[in-house]
Amino acid sequence: MIFVRFVLPALIVLSGILLALIGHRESAYLVGALLVSAGVSVALLNFLYRVGVNGDKDRGREEAARDHYERTGQWPGE
């Protein structure tokens, strides 16, 4: 999981930077920029997925609290 979240995007970005630095053609710069943007996209997709998963956990806790309130008439933690 750590590989997909952190290592893979870093490797993609690093390969793009290295290609742009080593290659001295316009095509190398363009492909390097594409690889950097692809690596940033992978990192952003991982981040957005984690935010979505955390939202599901919050929703589940809220639903459990509402169920508890319906059973007991008291909000949990009060």
Protein backbone atom coordinates (compact mmCIF):
# COMPACT_ATOMS: atom_id res chain seq x y z
CA MET A 1 0.00 0.00 0.00
CA ILE A 2 2.86 2.35 0.79
CA PHE A 3 4.32 1.60 -2.63
CA VAL A 4 1.13 2.67 -4.42
CA ARG A 5 0.56 5.76 -2.28
CA PHE A 6 4.04 7.21 -2.10
CA VAL A 7 6.74 5.30 -3.97
CA LEU A 8 4.99 4.89 -7.33
CA PRO A 9 4.09 8.60 -7.75
CA ALA A 10 7.59 9.58 -6.62
CA LEU A 11 9.19 7.21 -9.13
CA ILE A 12 7.03 8.53 -11.97
CA VAL A 13 7.85 12.15 -11.11
CA LEU A 14 11.54 11.35 -10.69
CA SER A 15 11.68 9.58 -14.04
CA GLY A 16 10.08 12.59 -15.70
CA ILE A 17 12.56 14.98 -14.12
CA LEU A 18 15.51 12.78 -15.04
CA LEU A 19 14.31 12.40 -18.61
CA ALA A 20 13.96 16.16 -18.96
CA LEU A 21 17.43 16.72 -17.50
CA ILE A 22 19.23 13.97 -19.43
CA GLY A 23 17.48 14.31 -22.79
CA HIS A 24 18.40 17.44 -24.67
CA ARG A 25 15.58 17.42 -27.17
CA GLU A 26 12.24 19.09 -27.11
CA SER A 27 10.51 15.71 -27.14
CA ALA A 28 12.40 14.70 -23.97
CA TYR A 29 11.15 17.84 -22.22
CA LEU A 30 7.59 17.17 -23.31
CA VAL A 31 7.64 13.52 -22.24
CA GLY A 32 9.30 14.53 -18.97
CA ALA A 33 6.54 17.04 -18.31
CA LEU A 34 3.93 14.39 -19.12
CA LEU A 35 5.54 11.96 -16.67
CA VAL A 36 5.69 14.59 -13.93
CA SER A 37 2.03 15.43 -14.45
CA ALA A 38 1.13 11.72 -14.47
CA GLY A 39 2.96 11.20 -11.17
CA VAL A 40 1.21 14.16 -9.60
CA SER A 41 -2.10 12.79 -10.89
CA VAL A 42 -1.45 9.40 -9.27
CA ALA A 43 -0.63 11.10 -5.96
CA LEU A 44 -3.74 13.28 -6.17
CA LEU A 45 -5.98 10.31 -6.96
CA ASN A 46 -4.57 8.46 -3.95
CA PHE A 47 -5.21 11.50 -1.75
CA LEU A 48 -8.77 11.93 -2.97
CA TYR A 49 -9.47 8.24 -2.43
CA ARG A 50 -8.24 8.50 1.17
CA VAL A 51 -10.44 11.55 1.76
CA GLY A 52 -13.44 9.64 0.41
CA VAL A 53 -12.75 6.64 2.63
CA ASN A 54 -12.49 8.88 5.69
CA GLY A 55 -15.83 10.46 4.77
CA ASP A 56 -17.41 7.01 4.72
CA LYS A 57 -16.05 6.32 8.21
CA ASP A 58 -17.49 9.61 9.49
CA ARG A 59 -20.83 8.79 7.93
CA GLY A 60 -20.83 5.38 9.61
CA ARG A 61 -20.08 6.93 13.02
CA GLU A 62 -22.87 9.46 12.55
CA GLU A 63 -25.32 6.70 11.64
CA ALA A 64 -24.30 4.67 14.70
CA ALA A 65 -24.78 7.74 16.91
CA ARG A 66 -28.26 8.32 15.46
CA ASP A 67 -29.19 4.67 16.08
CA HIS A 68 -28.01 5.01 19.67
CA TYR A 69 -30.08 8.18 20.06
CA GLU A 70 -33.20 6.43 18.74
CA ARG A 71 -32.75 3.56 21.21
CA THR A 72 -31.84 5.54 24.33
CA GLY A 73 -33.01 9.10 23.74
CA GLN A 74 -29.52 10.43 24.49
CA TRP A 75 -26.83 11.46 22.10
CA PRO A 76 -23.61 9.47 22.68
CA GLY A 77 -21.05 11.33 24.75
CA GLU A 78 -23.51 13.67 26.46
